[in-house]
Amino acid sequence: MSRGSVCKRVARAPTCSPSGWHWSSGYMRVATCNWVSTTTRVAMIRWYWRSGFGRLVCKPFGLSSRATRAVVPLGPGAIGATADAYFQHLEAVPSGPVRSITGRKVHAPGLRGWRLSADDAIRRTVIQSLATNFFIDRQAIELAHNIEFSDYFANEIRVLRRCANAGLLSLEGNFIETTDAGRVRLGNLCGIFDRYRHMRHTWLRSLAGTACSLEPLLAVC
């Protein structure tokens, strides 16, 4: 299929509510808080993800249609990323060497960094997919990280079932996909997989119980 035909098909796509795919002015929602014209490449990829045209990738400064191994920061305060780490430049360039995230002294404007654990990397993949594409491909996660999704995220799945009962997402088949109502609460749904957020809040344990509601989940942003 040519790019022109894809553009025409996207342009004719039906409109729906602001929480859904398209907006009557010719824009569609991509990721958590981003809207783009329906004729852009990002919109095409977002619309045709089920047909294998591609999936969006979340980077420190926005969305991309392709994955890269590293993002090199340039300039004061810039944020960079590699496969297993994030780092940020100083606001002011130092006159001498500074310590990198590995502990070695280098002549680079590094300020701070975070090296990801294996669990961090898995959860990043899940959260980024949900935040940028509104779905989680369980089989893809299993193949990429050599895990059994239902076992690894057993506690999270119990919470997701309650979200599904509330009409926020669908758990049918291999995909966990948000509904129109769920996209309004996308940040909350992503937070279910955030281990560090769980350290600050106790709502996950209460939600996983048998007599709990979704109120704690929807209240935490």
N, C-alpha and C. Protein backbone atom coordinates (compact mmCIF):
# COMPACT_ATOMS: atom_id res chain seq x y z
N MET A 1 0.85 -1.20 0.00
CA MET A 1 0.00 0.00 0.00
C MET A 1 0.88 1.24 0.00
N SER A 2 0.60 2.19 -0.90
CA SER A 2 1.41 3.39 -1.00
C SER A 2 1.11 4.33 0.15
N ARG A 3 2.04 5.26 0.36
CA ARG A 3 1.84 6.22 1.43
C ARG A 3 0.63 7.11 1.15
N GLY A 4 0.42 7.44 -0.15
CA GLY A 4 -0.71 8.28 -0.50
C GLY A 4 -2.04 7.63 -0.16
N SER A 5 -2.15 6.33 -0.45
CA SER A 5 -3.40 5.64 -0.14
C SER A 5 -3.63 5.55 1.35
N VAL A 6 -2.53 5.40 2.11
CA VAL A 6 -2.66 5.38 3.57
C VAL A 6 -3.17 6.72 4.07
N CYS A 7 -2.62 7.82 3.52
CA CYS A 7 -3.05 9.16 3.92
C CYS A 7 -4.54 9.35 3.65
N LYS A 8 -5.00 8.88 2.47
CA LYS A 8 -6.41 9.05 2.13
C LYS A 8 -7.30 8.27 3.08
N ARG A 9 -6.88 7.05 3.42
CA ARG A 9 -7.70 6.23 4.31
C ARG A 9 -7.73 6.82 5.71
N VAL A 10 -6.60 7.35 6.17
CA VAL A 10 -6.58 7.98 7.49
C VAL A 10 -7.45 9.22 7.49
N ALA A 11 -7.39 10.01 6.41
CA ALA A 11 -8.17 11.25 6.34
C ALA A 11 -9.67 10.96 6.39
N ARG A 12 -10.09 9.79 5.89
CA ARG A 12 -11.51 9.45 5.88
C ARG A 12 -11.95 8.74 7.15
N ALA A 13 -11.04 8.54 8.08
CA ALA A 13 -11.38 7.80 9.30
C ALA A 13 -12.47 8.54 10.07
N PRO A 14 -13.38 7.81 10.71
CA PRO A 14 -14.48 8.45 11.45
C PRO A 14 -13.99 9.18 12.68
N THR A 15 -14.77 10.16 13.10
CA THR A 15 -14.43 10.90 14.30
C THR A 15 -15.14 10.31 15.49
N CYS A 16 -14.62 10.58 16.69
CA CYS A 16 -15.27 10.13 17.91
C CYS A 16 -14.92 11.09 19.03
N SER A 17 -15.12 10.70 20.25
CA SER A 17 -14.95 11.58 21.39
C SER A 17 -13.49 11.94 21.59
N PRO A 18 -13.19 13.05 22.33
CA PRO A 18 -11.81 13.46 22.58
C PRO A 18 -10.98 12.39 23.26
N SER A 19 -11.61 11.47 23.99
CA SER A 19 -10.85 10.42 24.65
C SER A 19 -10.52 9.28 23.72
N GLY A 20 -11.09 9.30 22.50
CA GLY A 20 -10.88 8.20 21.57
C GLY A 20 -9.81 8.48 20.55
N TRP A 21 -10.02 7.93 19.35
CA TRP A 21 -8.97 7.96 18.34
C TRP A 21 -8.89 9.29 17.60
N HIS A 22 -10.05 9.85 17.21
CA HIS A 22 -10.03 10.99 16.31
C HIS A 22 -10.84 12.16 16.84
N TRP A 23 -10.48 13.31 16.32
CA TRP A 23 -11.15 14.55 16.69
C TRP A 23 -11.69 15.18 15.44
N SER A 24 -12.85 15.82 15.52
CA SER A 24 -13.56 16.29 14.34
C SER A 24 -12.77 17.30 13.51
N SER A 25 -11.78 17.96 14.08
CA SER A 25 -11.00 18.96 13.35
C SER A 25 -9.89 18.34 12.51
N GLY A 26 -9.79 17.02 12.49
CA GLY A 26 -8.75 16.38 11.69
C GLY A 26 -7.54 15.96 12.48
N TYR A 27 -7.65 15.89 13.78
CA TYR A 27 -6.54 15.46 14.64
C TYR A 27 -6.92 14.17 15.36
N MET A 28 -5.90 13.42 15.73
CA MET A 28 -6.14 12.20 16.49
C MET A 28 -5.21 12.17 17.69
N ARG A 29 -5.64 11.46 18.71
CA ARG A 29 -4.86 11.37 19.93
C ARG A 29 -3.83 10.26 19.81
N VAL A 30 -2.58 10.60 20.13
CA VAL A 30 -1.52 9.60 20.19
C VAL A 30 -0.82 9.77 21.53
N ALA A 31 -0.57 8.68 22.19
CA ALA A 31 0.08 8.70 23.50
C ALA A 31 -0.81 9.39 24.52
N THR A 32 -0.22 9.70 25.68
CA THR A 32 -1.00 10.16 26.82
C THR A 32 -1.59 11.55 26.61
N CYS A 33 -0.76 12.50 26.18
CA CYS A 33 -1.21 13.89 26.09
C CYS A 33 -0.87 14.53 24.75
N ASN A 34 -0.78 13.76 23.70
CA ASN A 34 -0.38 14.28 22.40
C ASN A 34 -1.48 14.10 21.36
N TRP A 35 -1.66 15.14 20.55
CA TRP A 35 -2.59 15.10 19.42
C TRP A 35 -1.82 15.49 18.17
N VAL A 36 -2.06 14.80 17.06
CA VAL A 36 -1.37 15.10 15.80
C VAL A 36 -2.38 15.12 14.67
N SER A 37 -2.01 15.75 13.56
CA SER A 37 -2.85 15.74 12.37
C SER A 37 -2.97 14.32 11.84
N THR A 38 -4.13 13.98 11.32
CA THR A 38 -4.37 12.62 10.84
C THR A 38 -3.57 12.28 9.59
N THR A 39 -2.89 13.27 8.98
CA THR A 39 -2.11 13.00 7.77
C THR A 39 -0.63 12.82 8.06
N THR A 40 -0.20 12.92 9.32
CA THR A 40 1.21 12.78 9.64
C THR A 40 1.61 11.32 9.73
N ARG A 41 2.92 11.09 9.65
CA ARG A 41 3.44 9.72 9.73
C ARG A 41 3.11 9.09 11.08
N VAL A 42 3.21 9.88 12.15
CA VAL A 42 2.89 9.35 13.48
C VAL A 42 1.45 8.88 13.54
N ALA A 43 0.54 9.65 12.94
CA ALA A 43 -0.87 9.27 12.93
C ALA A 43 -1.09 7.99 12.13
N MET A 44 -0.40 7.86 11.00
CA MET A 44 -0.53 6.65 10.18
C MET A 44 -0.11 5.42 10.96
N ILE A 45 1.02 5.53 11.65
CA ILE A 45 1.51 4.40 12.43
C ILE A 45 0.55 4.08 13.57
N ARG A 46 0.04 5.12 14.21
CA ARG A 46 -0.89 4.91 15.32
C ARG A 46 -2.17 4.23 14.84
N TRP A 47 -2.66 4.60 13.67
CA TRP A 47 -3.93 4.08 13.18
C TRP A 47 -3.79 2.65 12.70
N TYR A 48 -2.65 2.31 12.10
CA TYR A 48 -2.51 1.01 11.44
C TYR A 48 -1.64 0.03 12.22
N TRP A 49 -1.55 0.18 13.52
CA TRP A 49 -0.68 -0.73 14.28
C TRP A 49 -1.14 -2.16 14.18
N ARG A 50 -2.44 -2.41 14.08
CA ARG A 50 -2.94 -3.78 13.98
C ARG A 50 -2.59 -4.42 12.64
N SER A 51 -2.32 -3.59 11.61
CA SER A 51 -2.01 -4.13 10.29
C SER A 51 -0.52 -4.34 10.09
N GLY A 52 0.28 -4.08 11.12
CA GLY A 52 1.71 -4.33 11.04
C GLY A 52 2.51 -3.20 10.44
N PHE A 53 1.94 -1.98 10.35
CA PHE A 53 2.66 -0.87 9.77
C PHE A 53 3.71 -0.30 10.72
N GLY A 54 3.63 -0.63 11.98
CA GLY A 54 4.60 -0.13 12.93
C GLY A 54 3.95 0.33 14.21
N ARG A 55 4.78 0.64 15.20
CA ARG A 55 4.29 1.10 16.49
C ARG A 55 5.14 2.26 16.97
N LEU A 56 4.54 3.15 17.70
CA LEU A 56 5.25 4.32 18.18
C LEU A 56 6.21 3.96 19.30
N VAL A 57 7.27 4.76 19.41
CA VAL A 57 8.28 4.56 20.44
C VAL A 57 8.39 5.84 21.25
N CYS A 58 8.40 5.71 22.56
CA CYS A 58 8.52 6.86 23.45
C CYS A 58 9.98 7.15 23.73
N LYS A 59 10.39 8.42 23.54
CA LYS A 59 11.75 8.86 23.81
C LYS A 59 11.71 10.01 24.81
N PRO A 60 12.87 10.40 25.37
CA PRO A 60 12.85 11.45 26.40
C PRO A 60 12.15 12.74 25.98
N PHE A 61 12.20 13.08 24.68
CA PHE A 61 11.61 14.35 24.25
C PHE A 61 10.48 14.16 23.24
N GLY A 62 9.78 13.06 23.31
CA GLY A 62 8.62 12.90 22.45
C GLY A 62 8.53 11.53 21.82
N LEU A 63 7.69 11.43 20.79
CA LEU A 63 7.41 10.16 20.14
C LEU A 63 8.22 10.02 18.86
N SER A 64 8.46 8.78 18.48
CA SER A 64 9.18 8.49 17.25
C SER A 64 8.55 7.29 16.58
N SER A 65 8.71 7.21 15.27
CA SER A 65 8.18 6.08 14.52
C SER A 65 9.16 4.92 14.44
N ARG A 66 10.35 5.10 14.99
CA ARG A 66 11.34 4.02 14.96
C ARG A 66 12.16 4.02 16.24
N ALA A 67 12.61 2.86 16.62
CA ALA A 67 13.40 2.71 17.84
C ALA A 67 14.88 2.96 17.54
N THR A 68 15.59 3.50 18.52
CA THR A 68 17.03 3.70 18.42
C THR A 68 17.69 3.16 19.67
N ARG A 69 18.96 2.82 19.55
CA ARG A 69 19.67 2.25 20.68
C ARG A 69 20.05 3.30 21.71
N ALA A 70 20.18 4.56 21.28
CA ALA A 70 20.60 5.60 22.22
C ALA A 70 20.10 6.96 21.76
N VAL A 71 19.87 7.83 22.73
CA VAL A 71 19.54 9.23 22.47
C VAL A 71 20.65 10.06 23.09
N VAL A 72 21.41 10.79 22.27
CA VAL A 72 22.55 11.56 22.74
C VAL A 72 22.09 12.97 23.07
N PRO A 73 22.24 13.42 24.32
CA PRO A 73 21.81 14.77 24.69
C PRO A 73 22.82 15.82 24.27
N LEU A 74 22.34 16.95 23.78
CA LEU A 74 23.19 18.06 23.39
C LEU A 74 22.67 19.33 24.06
N GLY A 75 23.52 19.99 24.81
CA GLY A 75 23.12 21.24 25.42
C GLY A 75 22.83 21.11 26.90
N PRO A 76 22.84 22.24 27.61
CA PRO A 76 22.60 22.24 29.06
C PRO A 76 21.22 21.70 29.41
N GLY A 77 21.17 20.82 30.40
CA GLY A 77 19.91 20.27 30.87
C GLY A 77 19.30 19.20 30.00
N ALA A 78 19.96 18.84 28.90
CA ALA A 78 19.40 17.86 27.98
C ALA A 78 19.39 16.46 28.61
N ILE A 79 18.40 15.66 28.23
CA ILE A 79 18.24 14.31 28.76
C ILE A 79 18.59 13.30 27.68
N GLY A 80 19.41 12.31 28.03
CA GLY A 80 19.79 11.26 27.10
C GLY A 80 19.40 9.90 27.62
N ALA A 81 19.46 8.91 26.75
CA ALA A 81 19.07 7.56 27.13
C ALA A 81 19.85 6.54 26.34
N THR A 82 20.15 5.41 26.97
CA THR A 82 20.72 4.25 26.31
C THR A 82 19.81 3.07 26.61
N ALA A 83 20.24 1.89 26.22
CA ALA A 83 19.40 0.72 26.43
C ALA A 83 19.13 0.46 27.90
N ASP A 84 20.07 0.81 28.77
CA ASP A 84 19.92 0.47 30.18
C ASP A 84 20.17 1.64 31.12
N ALA A 85 20.07 2.88 30.63
CA ALA A 85 20.35 4.01 31.52
C ALA A 85 19.73 5.29 30.97
N TYR A 86 19.48 6.23 31.90
CA TYR A 86 19.07 7.59 31.56
C TYR A 86 20.05 8.55 32.23
N PHE A 87 20.31 9.69 31.60
CA PHE A 87 21.21 10.66 32.21
C PHE A 87 20.84 12.05 31.71
N GLN A 88 21.25 13.06 32.50
CA GLN A 88 20.90 14.44 32.19
C GLN A 88 22.10 15.34 32.35
N HIS A 89 22.25 16.31 31.44
CA HIS A 89 23.36 17.25 31.48
C HIS A 89 23.16 18.29 32.58
N LEU A 90 24.28 18.86 33.00
CA LEU A 90 24.23 20.00 33.92
C LEU A 90 23.62 21.21 33.22
N GLU A 91 23.01 22.09 34.01
CA GLU A 91 22.47 23.33 33.44
C GLU A 91 23.60 24.24 32.97
N ALA A 92 24.74 24.21 33.68
CA ALA A 92 25.91 24.99 33.29
C ALA A 92 27.07 24.03 33.06
N VAL A 93 27.80 24.22 31.97
CA VAL A 93 28.90 23.32 31.63
C VAL A 93 30.05 23.52 32.62
N PRO A 94 30.53 22.45 33.27
CA PRO A 94 31.63 22.58 34.24
C PRO A 94 32.96 22.82 33.55
N SER A 95 33.90 23.41 34.29
CA SER A 95 35.22 23.70 33.73
C SER A 95 36.15 22.49 33.77
N GLY A 96 35.91 21.53 34.65
CA GLY A 96 36.76 20.35 34.76
C GLY A 96 35.99 19.07 34.56
N PRO A 97 36.65 17.93 34.77
CA PRO A 97 35.98 16.63 34.58
C PRO A 97 34.93 16.39 35.65
N VAL A 98 33.90 15.65 35.29
CA VAL A 98 32.84 15.27 36.22
C VAL A 98 32.69 13.76 36.18
N ARG A 99 32.01 13.22 37.17
CA ARG A 99 31.82 11.77 37.24
C ARG A 99 30.62 11.35 36.39
N SER A 100 30.82 10.30 35.61
CA SER A 100 29.74 9.76 34.81
C SER A 100 28.91 8.82 35.67
N ILE A 101 27.85 8.24 35.10
CA ILE A 101 27.00 7.33 35.86
C ILE A 101 27.72 6.03 36.19
N THR A 102 28.84 5.77 35.51
CA THR A 102 29.63 4.58 35.83
C THR A 102 30.64 4.85 36.93
N GLY A 103 30.75 6.13 37.36
CA GLY A 103 31.69 6.47 38.42
C GLY A 103 33.03 6.98 37.92
N ARG A 104 33.28 6.90 36.61
CA ARG A 104 34.55 7.36 36.06
C ARG A 104 34.49 8.85 35.76
N LYS A 105 35.63 9.52 35.89
CA LYS A 105 35.69 10.94 35.58
C LYS A 105 35.82 11.14 34.07
N VAL A 106 34.94 11.95 33.52
CA VAL A 106 34.95 12.20 32.08
C VAL A 106 34.76 13.70 31.84
N HIS A 107 35.23 14.16 30.68
CA HIS A 107 35.03 15.56 30.31
C HIS A 107 33.72 15.68 29.55
N ALA A 108 32.63 15.58 30.27
CA ALA A 108 31.29 15.67 29.69
C ALA A 108 30.37 16.33 30.71
N PRO A 109 29.40 17.08 30.25
CA PRO A 109 28.52 17.81 31.17
C PRO A 109 27.46 16.92 31.82
N GLY A 110 27.88 15.82 32.40
CA GLY A 110 26.92 14.94 33.04
C GLY A 110 26.55 15.41 34.43
N LEU A 111 25.31 15.22 34.82
CA LEU A 111 24.86 15.64 36.14
C LEU A 111 24.40 14.46 36.97
N ARG A 112 23.53 13.67 36.42
CA ARG A 112 22.98 12.55 37.17
C ARG A 112 22.51 11.49 36.18
N GLY A 113 22.37 10.29 36.69
CA GLY A 113 21.93 9.21 35.82
C GLY A 113 21.29 8.09 36.62
N TRP A 114 20.62 7.20 35.90
CA TRP A 114 19.97 6.06 36.53
C TRP A 114 20.17 4.84 35.65
N ARG A 115 20.83 3.83 36.20
CA ARG A 115 21.03 2.59 35.46
C ARG A 115 19.86 1.65 35.74
N LEU A 116 19.24 1.15 34.70
CA LEU A 116 18.05 0.32 34.84
C LEU A 116 18.40 -1.10 35.25
N SER A 117 17.60 -1.65 36.14
CA SER A 117 17.69 -3.08 36.45
C SER A 117 16.90 -3.84 35.39
N ALA A 118 16.98 -5.17 35.44
CA ALA A 118 16.20 -5.98 34.49
C ALA A 118 14.71 -5.72 34.66
N ASP A 119 14.27 -5.57 35.91
CA ASP A 119 12.86 -5.29 36.17
C ASP A 119 12.47 -3.91 35.65
N ASP A 120 13.37 -2.93 35.81
CA ASP A 120 13.11 -1.60 35.27
C ASP A 120 12.88 -1.65 33.76
N ALA A 121 13.73 -2.41 33.07
CA ALA A 121 13.64 -2.49 31.61
C ALA A 121 12.33 -3.13 31.17
N ILE A 122 11.92 -4.18 31.87
CA ILE A 122 10.65 -4.85 31.53
C ILE A 122 9.48 -3.90 31.73
N ARG A 123 9.45 -3.24 32.88
CA ARG A 123 8.34 -2.35 33.17
C ARG A 123 8.35 -1.12 32.27
N ARG A 124 9.53 -0.66 31.88
CA ARG A 124 9.59 0.45 30.94
C ARG A 124 8.95 0.07 29.60
N THR A 125 9.25 -1.13 29.12
CA THR A 125 8.66 -1.58 27.86
C THR A 125 7.14 -1.62 27.95
N VAL A 126 6.63 -2.16 29.05
CA VAL A 126 5.18 -2.28 29.23
C VAL A 126 4.53 -0.90 29.33
N ILE A 127 5.09 -0.03 30.16
CA ILE A 127 4.50 1.29 30.38
C ILE A 127 4.56 2.13 29.11
N GLN A 128 5.69 2.09 28.39
CA GLN A 128 5.81 2.88 27.17
C GLN A 128 4.83 2.41 26.11
N SER A 129 4.63 1.11 26.01
CA SER A 129 3.67 0.59 25.03
C SER A 129 2.26 1.05 25.35
N LEU A 130 1.91 0.98 26.62
CA LEU A 130 0.56 1.39 27.04
C LEU A 130 0.37 2.89 26.86
N ALA A 131 1.41 3.68 27.19
CA ALA A 131 1.31 5.13 27.13
C ALA A 131 1.32 5.67 25.71
N THR A 132 2.04 5.02 24.80
CA THR A 132 2.17 5.53 23.44
C THR A 132 1.25 4.85 22.44
N ASN A 133 0.91 3.59 22.67
CA ASN A 133 0.08 2.86 21.72
C ASN A 133 -1.27 2.43 22.27
N PHE A 134 -1.51 2.69 23.56
CA PHE A 134 -2.77 2.37 24.23
C PHE A 134 -3.01 0.87 24.35
N PHE A 135 -2.00 0.05 24.21
CA PHE A 135 -2.17 -1.39 24.32
C PHE A 135 -0.86 -2.02 24.80
N ILE A 136 -0.97 -3.27 25.27
CA ILE A 136 0.20 -4.08 25.64
C ILE A 136 0.11 -5.39 24.88
N ASP A 137 1.14 -5.72 24.15
CA ASP A 137 1.23 -7.00 23.45
C ASP A 137 1.95 -7.97 24.37
N ARG A 138 1.21 -8.82 25.05
CA ARG A 138 1.80 -9.70 26.05
C ARG A 138 2.83 -10.65 25.45
N GLN A 139 2.53 -11.19 24.29
CA GLN A 139 3.46 -12.12 23.66
C GLN A 139 4.77 -11.43 23.28
N ALA A 140 4.68 -10.21 22.79
CA ALA A 140 5.89 -9.46 22.43
C ALA A 140 6.75 -9.19 23.66
N ILE A 141 6.12 -8.87 24.78
CA ILE A 141 6.86 -8.64 26.02
C ILE A 141 7.55 -9.92 26.47
N GLU A 142 6.86 -11.03 26.37
CA GLU A 142 7.43 -12.32 26.77
C GLU A 142 8.64 -12.68 25.92
N LEU A 143 8.55 -12.47 24.62
CA LEU A 143 9.66 -12.81 23.73
C LEU A 143 10.84 -11.87 23.92
N ALA A 144 10.56 -10.60 24.17
CA ALA A 144 11.64 -9.61 24.30
C ALA A 144 12.41 -9.76 25.61
N HIS A 145 11.73 -10.19 26.67
CA HIS A 145 12.36 -10.22 27.99
C HIS A 145 12.42 -11.61 28.62
N ASN A 146 12.00 -12.61 27.87
CA ASN A 146 12.09 -14.00 28.35
C ASN A 146 11.38 -14.19 29.69
N ILE A 147 10.12 -13.77 29.74
CA ILE A 147 9.32 -13.93 30.95
C ILE A 147 7.97 -14.53 30.58
N GLU A 148 7.25 -14.99 31.58
CA GLU A 148 5.85 -15.39 31.43
C GLU A 148 5.01 -14.24 31.97
N PHE A 149 4.33 -13.52 31.09
CA PHE A 149 3.67 -12.28 31.47
C PHE A 149 2.70 -12.48 32.62
N SER A 150 1.86 -13.50 32.54
CA SER A 150 0.83 -13.71 33.56
C SER A 150 1.44 -14.02 34.92
N ASP A 151 2.61 -14.66 34.95
CA ASP A 151 3.27 -14.95 36.22
C ASP A 151 4.02 -13.73 36.75
N TYR A 152 4.73 -13.05 35.86
CA TYR A 152 5.55 -11.91 36.28
C TYR A 152 4.69 -10.76 36.80
N PHE A 153 3.56 -10.55 36.16
CA PHE A 153 2.68 -9.44 36.55
C PHE A 153 1.38 -9.96 37.15
N ALA A 154 1.47 -10.99 37.97
CA ALA A 154 0.27 -11.60 38.56
C ALA A 154 -0.53 -10.58 39.37
N ASN A 155 0.14 -9.81 40.22
CA ASN A 155 -0.57 -8.81 41.04
C ASN A 155 -1.20 -7.73 40.17
N GLU A 156 -0.45 -7.29 39.15
CA GLU A 156 -0.96 -6.24 38.28
C GLU A 156 -2.18 -6.72 37.48
N ILE A 157 -2.16 -7.97 37.07
CA ILE A 157 -3.28 -8.50 36.29
C ILE A 157 -4.56 -8.54 37.11
N ARG A 158 -4.44 -8.81 38.41
CA ARG A 158 -5.62 -8.79 39.26
C ARG A 158 -6.25 -7.39 39.28
N VAL A 159 -5.39 -6.38 39.29
CA VAL A 159 -5.90 -5.01 39.25
C VAL A 159 -6.49 -4.70 37.88
N LEU A 160 -5.84 -5.18 36.82
CA LEU A 160 -6.32 -4.93 35.47
C LEU A 160 -7.71 -5.54 35.24
N ARG A 161 -7.96 -6.69 35.86
CA ARG A 161 -9.28 -7.30 35.72
C ARG A 161 -10.37 -6.39 36.28
N ARG A 162 -10.07 -5.74 37.39
CA ARG A 162 -11.03 -4.81 37.98
C ARG A 162 -11.20 -3.59 37.08
N CYS A 163 -10.11 -3.16 36.45
CA CYS A 163 -10.21 -2.06 35.50
C CYS A 163 -11.05 -2.46 34.30
N ALA A 164 -10.91 -3.71 33.86
CA ALA A 164 -11.71 -4.21 32.73
C ALA A 164 -13.19 -4.24 33.10
N ASN A 165 -13.49 -4.66 34.33
CA ASN A 165 -14.88 -4.69 34.78
C ASN A 165 -15.48 -3.28 34.85
N ALA A 166 -14.60 -2.29 35.08
CA ALA A 166 -15.06 -0.90 35.13
C ALA A 166 -15.12 -0.27 33.75
N GLY A 167 -14.78 -1.03 32.70
CA GLY A 167 -14.86 -0.52 31.34
C GLY A 167 -13.69 0.32 30.90
N LEU A 168 -12.53 0.20 31.59
CA LEU A 168 -11.37 1.01 31.25
C LEU A 168 -10.45 0.34 30.24
N LEU A 169 -10.52 -0.97 30.12
CA LEU A 169 -9.66 -1.68 29.18
C LEU A 169 -10.25 -3.04 28.85
N SER A 170 -9.63 -3.68 27.85
CA SER A 170 -10.05 -5.01 27.42
C SER A 170 -8.90 -5.98 27.60
N LEU A 171 -9.20 -7.16 28.12
CA LEU A 171 -8.18 -8.19 28.35
C LEU A 171 -8.36 -9.38 27.41
N GLU A 172 -9.08 -9.20 26.34
CA GLU A 172 -9.36 -10.30 25.43
C GLU A 172 -8.14 -10.62 24.57
N GLY A 173 -7.89 -11.92 24.38
CA GLY A 173 -6.80 -12.35 23.51
C GLY A 173 -5.44 -12.02 24.06
N ASN A 174 -4.49 -11.76 23.17
CA ASN A 174 -3.11 -11.52 23.54
C ASN A 174 -2.85 -10.08 23.94
N PHE A 175 -3.80 -9.18 23.66
CA PHE A 175 -3.59 -7.77 23.89
C PHE A 175 -4.36 -7.26 25.10
N ILE A 176 -3.73 -6.34 25.82
CA ILE A 176 -4.39 -5.54 26.84
C ILE A 176 -4.56 -4.16 26.23
N GLU A 177 -5.79 -3.79 25.91
CA GLU A 177 -6.04 -2.55 25.17
C GLU A 177 -7.01 -1.66 25.92
N THR A 178 -6.70 -0.37 25.96
CA THR A 178 -7.55 0.59 26.67
C THR A 178 -8.78 0.93 25.84
N THR A 179 -9.85 1.28 26.52
CA THR A 179 -11.06 1.77 25.87
C THR A 179 -11.03 3.29 25.83
N ASP A 180 -12.06 3.90 25.25
CA ASP A 180 -12.14 5.36 25.25
C ASP A 180 -12.12 5.91 26.67
N ALA A 181 -12.87 5.27 27.56
CA ALA A 181 -12.90 5.72 28.96
C ALA A 181 -11.55 5.50 29.62
N GLY A 182 -10.86 4.43 29.26
CA GLY A 182 -9.57 4.14 29.85
C GLY A 182 -8.49 5.12 29.44
N ARG A 183 -8.61 5.67 28.23
CA ARG A 183 -7.59 6.62 27.76
C ARG A 183 -7.62 7.92 28.53
N VAL A 184 -8.78 8.24 29.11
CA VAL A 184 -8.86 9.41 29.97
C VAL A 184 -8.04 9.18 31.24
N ARG A 185 -7.96 7.91 31.68
CA ARG A 185 -7.23 7.53 32.89
C ARG A 185 -5.93 6.81 32.55
N LEU A 186 -5.34 7.14 31.42
CA LEU A 186 -4.18 6.39 30.95
C LEU A 186 -3.01 6.46 31.93
N GLY A 187 -2.80 7.63 32.54
CA GLY A 187 -1.71 7.75 33.50
C GLY A 187 -1.90 6.84 34.70
N ASN A 188 -3.15 6.69 35.14
CA ASN A 188 -3.44 5.79 36.25
C ASN A 188 -3.20 4.34 35.87
N LEU A 189 -3.60 3.97 34.65
CA LEU A 189 -3.40 2.59 34.20
C LEU A 189 -1.92 2.27 34.07
N CYS A 190 -1.14 3.21 33.56
CA CYS A 190 0.31 2.99 33.47
C CYS A 190 0.92 2.85 34.86
N GLY A 191 0.36 3.58 35.83
CA GLY A 191 0.88 3.52 37.19
C GLY A 191 0.75 2.16 37.84
N ILE A 192 -0.13 1.31 37.33
CA ILE A 192 -0.28 -0.04 37.87
C ILE A 192 1.02 -0.81 37.74
N PHE A 193 1.78 -0.53 36.68
CA PHE A 193 3.03 -1.26 36.43
C PHE A 193 4.26 -0.53 36.98
N ASP A 194 4.06 0.60 37.64
CA ASP A 194 5.17 1.40 38.15
C ASP A 194 5.55 0.93 39.55
N ARG A 195 6.65 0.20 39.65
CA ARG A 195 7.08 -0.35 40.95
C ARG A 195 7.45 0.76 41.92
N TYR A 196 8.07 1.82 41.45
CA TYR A 196 8.48 2.90 42.34
C TYR A 196 7.27 3.68 42.85
N ARG A 197 6.26 3.74 42.06
CA ARG A 197 5.03 4.38 42.51
C ARG A 197 4.38 3.57 43.61
N HIS A 198 4.50 2.25 43.51
CA HIS A 198 3.93 1.38 44.54
C HIS A 198 4.66 1.56 45.87
N MET A 199 5.94 1.92 45.79
CA MET A 199 6.69 2.15 47.03
C MET A 199 6.17 3.38 47.76
N ARG A 200 5.59 4.31 46.99
CA ARG A 200 5.09 5.55 47.60
C ARG A 200 3.62 5.46 47.98
N HIS A 201 2.92 4.51 47.39
CA HIS A 201 1.48 4.39 47.66
C HIS A 201 1.14 2.94 48.00
N THR A 202 0.12 2.76 48.75
CA THR A 202 -0.29 1.41 49.16
C THR A 202 -1.57 0.97 48.47
N TRP A 203 -2.02 1.72 47.46
CA TRP A 203 -3.31 1.41 46.86
C TRP A 203 -3.29 0.12 46.05
N LEU A 204 -2.12 -0.32 45.56
CA LEU A 204 -2.11 -1.54 44.76
C LEU A 204 -2.54 -2.74 45.60
N ARG A 205 -2.04 -2.80 46.84
CA ARG A 205 -2.40 -3.93 47.69
C ARG A 205 -3.90 -3.93 47.99
N SER A 206 -4.45 -2.76 48.24
CA SER A 206 -5.88 -2.71 48.53
C SER A 206 -6.71 -3.06 47.30
N LEU A 207 -6.24 -2.64 46.13
CA LEU A 207 -6.98 -2.94 44.90
C LEU A 207 -6.96 -4.43 44.59
N ALA A 208 -5.87 -5.11 44.95
CA ALA A 208 -5.75 -6.53 44.64
C ALA A 208 -6.61 -7.39 45.57
N GLY A 209 -7.19 -6.79 46.62
CA GLY A 209 -8.03 -7.54 47.54
C GLY A 209 -9.38 -7.88 46.93
N THR A 210 -10.19 -8.57 47.69
CA THR A 210 -11.47 -9.03 47.17
C THR A 210 -12.60 -8.04 47.40
N ALA A 211 -12.40 -7.08 48.29
CA ALA A 211 -13.49 -6.16 48.63
C ALA A 211 -13.10 -4.72 48.39
N CYS A 212 -12.29 -4.47 47.35
CA CYS A 212 -11.81 -3.12 47.10
C CYS A 212 -12.49 -2.55 45.87
N SER A 213 -12.31 -1.27 45.63
CA SER A 213 -12.89 -0.60 44.48
C SER A 213 -11.78 0.06 43.68
N LEU A 214 -12.16 0.75 42.61
CA LEU A 214 -11.18 1.44 41.77
C LEU A 214 -10.92 2.86 42.24
N GLU A 215 -11.57 3.32 43.29
CA GLU A 215 -11.43 4.70 43.71
C GLU A 215 -9.98 5.08 44.03
N PRO A 216 -9.20 4.25 44.77
CA PRO A 216 -7.81 4.64 45.01
C PRO A 216 -7.01 4.76 43.73
N LEU A 217 -7.26 3.89 42.76
CA LEU A 217 -6.53 3.93 41.49
C LEU A 217 -6.84 5.21 40.74
N LEU A 218 -8.11 5.57 40.65
CA LEU A 218 -8.50 6.73 39.87
C LEU A 218 -8.16 8.03 40.57
N ALA A 219 -7.89 7.99 41.85
CA ALA A 219 -7.58 9.21 42.59
C ALA A 219 -6.11 9.57 42.51
N VAL A 220 -5.24 8.60 42.20
CA VAL A 220 -3.79 8.84 42.19
C VAL A 220 -3.36 9.14 40.77
N CYS A 221 -2.77 10.30 40.53
CA CYS A 221 -2.35 10.69 39.18
C CYS A 221 -0.85 10.90 39.15
